[in-house]
N, C-alpha and C. Protein backbone atom coordinates (compact mmCIF):
# COMPACT_ATOMS: atom_id res chain seq x y z
N UNK A 1 0.83 -1.19 0.01
CA UNK A 1 0.09 -0.04 -0.01
C UNK A 1 0.86 1.25 0.07
N UNK A 2 0.71 2.15 -0.79
CA UNK A 2 1.47 3.44 -0.90
C UNK A 2 1.36 4.19 0.47
N UNK A 3 2.33 4.92 0.67
CA UNK A 3 2.44 5.74 1.94
C UNK A 3 2.26 7.23 1.46
N UNK A 4 1.61 8.08 2.21
CA UNK A 4 1.45 9.31 1.92
C UNK A 4 1.84 10.19 3.19
N UNK A 5 2.53 11.28 2.98
CA UNK A 5 2.91 12.16 4.21
C UNK A 5 2.19 13.58 4.05
N UNK A 6 1.59 13.81 5.27
CA UNK A 6 0.82 15.15 5.18
C UNK A 6 1.27 15.88 6.47
N UNK A 7 1.20 17.21 6.37
CA UNK A 7 1.18 18.10 7.39
C UNK A 7 -0.09 18.59 7.83
N UNK A 8 -0.40 18.41 9.16
CA UNK A 8 -1.67 18.97 9.63
C UNK A 8 -1.49 19.70 11.07
N UNK A 9 -2.33 20.72 11.32
CA UNK A 9 -2.17 21.49 12.64
C UNK A 9 -2.14 20.54 13.87
N UNK A 10 -1.50 20.97 14.86
CA UNK A 10 -1.32 20.03 16.09
C UNK A 10 -2.78 19.87 16.66
N UNK A 11 -3.67 20.87 16.52
CA UNK A 11 -4.95 20.80 17.16
C UNK A 11 -5.76 19.65 16.53
N UNK A 12 -5.62 19.59 15.18
CA UNK A 12 -6.23 18.48 14.49
C UNK A 12 -5.67 17.22 14.85
N UNK A 13 -4.28 17.10 14.89
CA UNK A 13 -3.74 15.81 15.42
C UNK A 13 -4.03 15.36 16.82
N UNK A 14 -4.18 16.46 17.69
CA UNK A 14 -4.69 16.03 18.88
C UNK A 14 -6.06 15.56 19.01
N UNK A 15 -6.94 16.05 18.27
CA UNK A 15 -8.21 15.68 18.17
C UNK A 15 -8.31 14.24 17.56
N UNK A 16 -7.61 13.93 16.52
CA UNK A 16 -7.56 12.66 16.01
C UNK A 16 -6.98 11.54 16.91
N UNK A 17 -5.96 11.93 17.69
CA UNK A 17 -5.41 11.08 18.61
C UNK A 17 -6.36 10.69 19.57
N UNK A 18 -7.42 11.42 19.99
CA UNK A 18 -8.39 11.22 20.83
C UNK A 18 -9.24 10.05 20.63
N UNK A 19 -9.26 9.72 19.23
CA UNK A 19 -10.18 8.64 18.71
C UNK A 19 -9.39 7.43 18.45
N UNK A 20 -8.01 7.36 18.66
CA UNK A 20 -7.23 6.22 18.34
C UNK A 20 -6.87 5.55 19.51
N UNK A 21 -6.79 4.26 19.53
CA UNK A 21 -6.20 3.51 20.71
C UNK A 21 -7.11 2.46 21.08
N UNK A 22 -6.63 1.63 22.21
CA UNK A 22 -7.63 0.65 22.67
C UNK A 22 -8.90 1.09 23.26
N UNK A 23 -9.95 0.40 22.94
CA UNK A 23 -11.30 0.80 23.21
C UNK A 23 -11.76 2.29 22.74
N UNK A 24 -11.17 2.58 21.59
CA UNK A 24 -11.56 3.79 20.86
C UNK A 24 -12.22 3.55 19.62
N UNK A 25 -12.49 4.50 18.75
CA UNK A 25 -13.02 4.25 17.41
C UNK A 25 -12.17 3.49 16.45
N UNK A 26 -10.78 3.95 16.53
CA UNK A 26 -9.96 3.37 15.46
C UNK A 26 -8.75 2.80 16.26
N UNK A 27 -8.07 1.67 15.35
CA UNK A 27 -6.96 1.05 16.04
C UNK A 27 -5.75 1.88 15.97
N UNK A 28 -5.60 2.58 14.79
CA UNK A 28 -4.44 3.44 14.58
C UNK A 28 -4.83 4.62 13.68
N UNK A 29 -3.86 5.57 13.61
CA UNK A 29 -4.06 6.81 12.90
C UNK A 29 -4.34 6.61 11.31
N UNK A 30 -3.58 5.64 10.82
CA UNK A 30 -3.75 5.16 9.40
C UNK A 30 -5.35 4.91 9.19
N UNK A 31 -5.77 4.02 10.13
CA UNK A 31 -7.24 3.44 10.05
C UNK A 31 -8.17 4.69 9.94
N UNK A 32 -7.96 5.63 11.01
CA UNK A 32 -8.82 6.82 11.08
C UNK A 32 -8.70 7.74 9.78
N UNK A 33 -7.58 7.88 9.39
CA UNK A 33 -7.38 8.80 8.18
C UNK A 33 -8.04 8.14 6.98
N UNK A 34 -7.81 6.84 6.77
CA UNK A 34 -8.31 6.18 5.57
C UNK A 34 -9.92 6.23 5.69
N UNK A 35 -10.48 6.12 6.71
CA UNK A 35 -11.89 6.05 7.15
C UNK A 35 -12.43 7.45 6.81
N UNK A 36 -11.73 8.51 7.27
CA UNK A 36 -12.22 9.90 6.97
C UNK A 36 -12.10 10.19 5.53
N UNK A 37 -11.11 9.80 4.76
CA UNK A 37 -11.06 10.00 3.33
C UNK A 37 -12.19 9.37 2.61
N UNK A 38 -12.46 8.02 2.97
CA UNK A 38 -13.46 7.17 2.33
C UNK A 38 -14.72 8.01 2.45
N UNK A 39 -15.04 8.52 3.74
CA UNK A 39 -16.36 9.10 4.11
C UNK A 39 -16.45 10.49 3.24
N UNK A 40 -15.40 11.29 3.28
CA UNK A 40 -15.38 12.49 2.42
C UNK A 40 -15.62 12.31 1.05
N UNK A 41 -14.93 11.31 0.37
CA UNK A 41 -15.22 10.90 -1.06
C UNK A 41 -16.54 10.57 -1.21
N UNK A 42 -17.14 9.70 -0.44
CA UNK A 42 -18.55 9.31 -0.53
C UNK A 42 -19.52 10.44 -0.64
N UNK A 43 -19.31 11.35 0.43
CA UNK A 43 -20.07 12.66 0.62
C UNK A 43 -19.87 13.53 -0.79
N UNK A 44 -18.65 13.59 -1.29
CA UNK A 44 -18.46 14.41 -2.54
C UNK A 44 -19.15 13.68 -3.64
N UNK A 45 -19.29 12.33 -3.75
CA UNK A 45 -19.85 11.72 -4.82
C UNK A 45 -21.42 12.02 -4.63
N UNK A 46 -21.81 12.08 -3.46
CA UNK A 46 -23.39 12.24 -3.26
C UNK A 46 -23.77 13.68 -3.72
N UNK A 47 -22.82 14.54 -3.42
CA UNK A 47 -23.00 16.00 -3.91
C UNK A 47 -22.99 16.12 -5.37
N UNK A 48 -22.02 15.55 -6.03
CA UNK A 48 -21.90 15.40 -7.57
C UNK A 48 -23.08 14.82 -8.11
N UNK A 49 -23.63 13.67 -7.48
CA UNK A 49 -24.95 13.12 -8.11
C UNK A 49 -26.11 14.05 -8.08
N UNK A 50 -26.09 14.82 -6.88
CA UNK A 50 -27.41 15.61 -6.80
C UNK A 50 -27.25 16.76 -7.84
N UNK A 51 -26.13 17.16 -8.25
CA UNK A 51 -25.84 18.15 -9.13
C UNK A 51 -25.69 17.61 -10.66
N UNK A 52 -25.98 16.36 -10.89
CA UNK A 52 -25.92 15.83 -12.18
C UNK A 52 -24.54 15.72 -12.75
N UNK A 53 -23.52 15.74 -11.84
CA UNK A 53 -22.03 15.43 -12.37
C UNK A 53 -21.71 14.15 -12.43
N UNK A 54 -22.48 13.17 -11.92
CA UNK A 54 -22.18 11.76 -11.97
C UNK A 54 -23.33 10.92 -12.35
N UNK A 55 -23.31 10.09 -13.25
CA UNK A 55 -24.32 9.13 -13.68
C UNK A 55 -24.02 7.70 -13.21
N UNK A 56 -24.77 7.21 -12.54
CA UNK A 56 -24.59 5.79 -12.06
C UNK A 56 -25.24 4.79 -13.06
């Protein structure tokens, strides 16, 4: 799997870290970021569909 490096504000990283770990929503940061990207892309596809930019 390819690796991607990003710079994010400390506040965003601190918030992300609050959701990662044992008994939390995500096992690790990569899992959290992948999930967020998938969700964002799904939302963008929904918006594009509503505006007629995507035909299924």
